[in-house]
Amino acid sequence: MRIFVISDTHGRTDRIISKIKQMEEPDLIIHLGDYVEDGLKIEEETYVETIIVKGNGDYFHTEFNEDELLTINNKKVFISHGHNYNVQYGEDNIIYKALELGADLILFGHTHVPRLFEEAGILVMNPGSPTFPRGFRGSKTFGIIEIDEEISGEIIEIE
């Protein structure tokens, strides 16, 4: 299963929607919050099922959860915006939560800094931001996850 992972669009979706339409269509899109309206717009314009969790900027959207534990191709996927785990100071708290849940994959946002690494047997991805990047390189990014027997990930830069 091919999944596009997007976070922290903050009201600006034109560029990411255009990029999605140029690429091989994913089976699923996951939007990790800030803003949930953007996830809804992406789903509407790409016709790809989109799972959305809310971020710290989505406080009025009580219909969305802050965290979800998904099962995709028999793999447990923990998704969260990340702010409740203080990810701006490091990933330890969100990794501990994922270990408690038995997750195989963590997807989170909030920091606008792309990250992809493995810790304690869990693949960890922050797709960065396609609109307001932060960090050393400052590239606008999103992520692609492939879940088959194994899980793999890639950070994609947007021109």
Protein backbone atom coordinates (compact mmCIF):
# COMPACT_ATOMS: atom_id res chain seq x y z
CA MET A 1 0.00 0.00 0.00
CA ARG A 2 1.33 3.41 -1.03
CA ILE A 3 0.55 6.24 1.41
CA PHE A 4 1.26 9.96 1.07
CA VAL A 5 1.90 11.58 4.45
CA ILE A 6 1.28 15.32 4.81
CA SER A 7 1.40 17.67 7.79
CA ASP A 8 1.32 21.35 8.65
CA THR A 9 -0.17 22.77 5.46
CA HIS A 10 -1.59 25.74 7.40
CA GLY A 11 -4.20 26.73 4.83
CA ARG A 12 -2.01 26.42 1.75
CA THR A 13 -2.80 23.33 -0.29
CA ASP A 14 -2.42 24.31 -3.97
CA ARG A 15 1.21 23.20 -4.33
CA ILE A 16 0.77 19.86 -2.53
CA ILE A 17 -2.43 19.05 -4.45
CA SER A 18 -0.63 19.80 -7.72
CA LYS A 19 2.28 17.55 -6.70
CA ILE A 20 -0.06 14.70 -5.72
CA LYS A 21 -1.80 14.90 -9.10
CA GLN A 22 1.57 14.73 -10.92
CA MET A 23 2.69 11.56 -9.13
CA GLU A 24 1.55 7.96 -9.20
CA GLU A 25 -1.73 7.96 -7.28
CA PRO A 26 -1.46 6.76 -3.69
CA ASP A 27 -3.84 4.26 -2.12
CA LEU A 28 -4.29 6.54 0.89
CA ILE A 29 -3.35 10.00 2.15
CA ILE A 30 -2.76 10.75 5.83
CA HIS A 31 -2.92 14.39 6.97
CA LEU A 32 -1.39 14.92 10.40
CA GLY A 33 -3.10 18.20 11.28
CA ASP A 34 -2.70 21.90 11.09
CA TYR A 35 -5.17 22.27 9.41
CA VAL A 36 -7.86 19.59 9.16
CA GLU A 37 -9.71 21.68 6.55
CA ASP A 38 -6.70 21.20 4.30
CA GLY A 39 -6.96 17.42 4.64
CA LEU A 40 -10.61 17.62 3.63
CA LYS A 41 -9.75 19.81 0.62
CA ILE A 42 -6.95 17.44 -0.44
CA GLU A 43 -9.37 14.50 -0.31
CA GLU A 44 -12.01 16.41 -2.28
CA GLU A 45 -9.60 17.49 -5.02
CA THR A 46 -7.57 14.28 -5.39
CA TYR A 47 -10.39 11.75 -4.88
CA VAL A 48 -8.06 9.75 -2.61
CA GLU A 49 -9.28 8.59 0.81
CA THR A 50 -7.67 10.82 3.43
CA ILE A 51 -7.33 10.04 7.12
CA ILE A 52 -6.97 13.16 9.27
CA VAL A 53 -5.91 13.83 12.84
CA LYS A 54 -6.09 17.29 14.33
CA GLY A 55 -3.16 19.42 15.37
CA ASN A 56 -2.63 22.15 17.92
CA GLY A 57 -4.14 24.67 15.48
CA ASP A 58 -7.34 22.65 15.05
CA TYR A 59 -8.92 23.19 18.48
CA PHE A 60 -12.44 23.83 17.13
CA HIS A 61 -12.60 20.48 15.32
CA THR A 62 -13.93 18.14 17.98
CA GLU A 63 -14.99 15.62 15.31
CA PHE A 64 -11.34 14.66 14.70
CA ASN A 65 -9.09 12.78 17.10
CA GLU A 66 -5.61 13.90 18.09
CA ASP A 67 -4.22 10.35 17.78
CA GLU A 68 -5.24 7.25 15.85
CA LEU A 69 -3.95 3.70 15.78
CA LEU A 70 -4.54 2.24 12.33
CA THR A 71 -3.99 -1.27 11.04
CA ILE A 72 -2.77 -1.28 7.44
CA ASN A 73 -1.66 -4.55 5.82
CA ASN A 74 -1.37 -6.13 9.28
CA LYS A 75 0.96 -3.35 10.49
CA LYS A 76 0.03 -1.02 13.35
CA VAL A 77 0.42 2.63 12.42
CA PHE A 78 0.32 5.29 15.16
CA ILE A 79 -0.57 8.73 13.78
CA SER A 80 -0.52 11.97 15.74
CA HIS A 81 0.19 15.63 15.14
CA GLY A 82 2.75 15.21 17.90
CA HIS A 83 2.27 18.35 19.98
CA ASN A 84 0.89 16.39 22.95
CA TYR A 85 4.18 14.46 23.07
CA ASN A 86 6.42 17.57 22.99
CA VAL A 87 8.07 16.42 19.77
CA GLN A 88 9.66 19.83 19.39
CA TYR A 89 12.07 18.68 22.14
CA GLY A 90 12.64 15.17 20.76
CA GLU A 91 10.82 12.00 19.79
CA ASP A 92 11.22 9.96 22.99
CA ASN A 93 7.69 10.54 24.33
CA ILE A 94 5.95 9.63 21.08
CA ILE A 95 8.18 6.56 20.68
CA TYR A 96 7.30 5.40 24.22
CA LYS A 97 3.59 5.80 23.39
CA ALA A 98 4.02 3.81 20.17
CA LEU A 99 5.83 1.05 22.07
CA GLU A 100 2.90 0.87 24.53
CA LEU A 101 0.53 0.49 21.57
CA GLY A 102 2.67 -2.11 19.80
CA ALA A 103 3.05 0.13 16.75
CA ASP A 104 5.25 -0.71 13.78
CA LEU A 105 5.21 2.84 12.38
CA ILE A 106 4.88 6.35 13.83
CA LEU A 107 3.72 9.28 11.70
CA PHE A 108 3.77 12.73 13.30
CA GLY A 109 4.17 16.40 12.41
CA HIS A 110 4.18 19.68 14.34
CA THR A 111 7.87 20.59 14.01
CA HIS A 112 7.82 21.22 10.23
CA VAL A 113 11.19 19.40 10.13
CA PRO A 114 11.34 16.20 8.06
CA ARG A 115 12.66 13.14 9.91
CA LEU A 116 12.90 9.48 8.93
CA PHE A 117 14.64 6.93 11.13
CA GLU A 118 14.16 3.65 12.94
CA GLU A 119 14.10 3.34 16.73
CA ALA A 120 13.33 0.26 18.83
CA GLY A 121 12.13 -1.59 15.72
CA ILE A 122 9.68 1.19 14.81
CA LEU A 123 9.95 3.30 11.65
CA VAL A 124 9.46 6.96 12.62
CA MET A 125 8.48 9.65 10.10
CA ASN A 126 7.80 13.34 10.29
CA PRO A 127 7.02 14.44 6.71
CA GLY A 128 7.97 18.07 7.40
CA SER A 129 5.78 20.75 5.85
CA PRO A 130 4.92 21.37 2.19
CA THR A 131 4.29 25.05 2.94
CA PHE A 132 6.29 26.34 5.91
CA PRO A 133 9.51 24.33 6.24
CA ARG A 134 11.90 24.65 9.15
CA GLY A 135 15.25 23.13 9.90
CA PHE A 136 18.69 23.14 8.35
CA ARG A 137 17.71 22.58 4.70
CA GLY A 138 14.40 24.41 4.80
CA SER A 139 12.91 22.34 1.98
CA LYS A 140 9.17 21.98 1.46
CA THR A 141 8.45 18.28 1.93
CA PHE A 142 5.97 15.46 2.38
CA GLY A 143 6.41 11.73 2.93
CA ILE A 144 5.68 8.49 1.14
CA ILE A 145 5.22 5.25 3.06
CA GLU A 146 5.01 1.82 1.44
CA ILE A 147 3.48 -0.93 3.57
CA ASP A 148 3.72 -4.48 2.29
CA GLU A 149 5.44 -7.27 4.24
CA GLU A 150 7.93 -4.56 5.24
CA ILE A 151 7.51 -0.84 5.83
CA SER A 152 9.64 1.69 3.97
CA GLY A 153 9.57 5.45 3.80
CA GLU A 154 10.89 8.37 1.82
CA ILE A 155 10.89 12.14 2.24
CA ILE A 156 10.00 13.98 -0.99
CA GLU A 157 11.06 17.57 -1.67
CA ILE A 158 8.61 19.82 -3.49
CA GLU A 159 10.10 22.27 -5.97
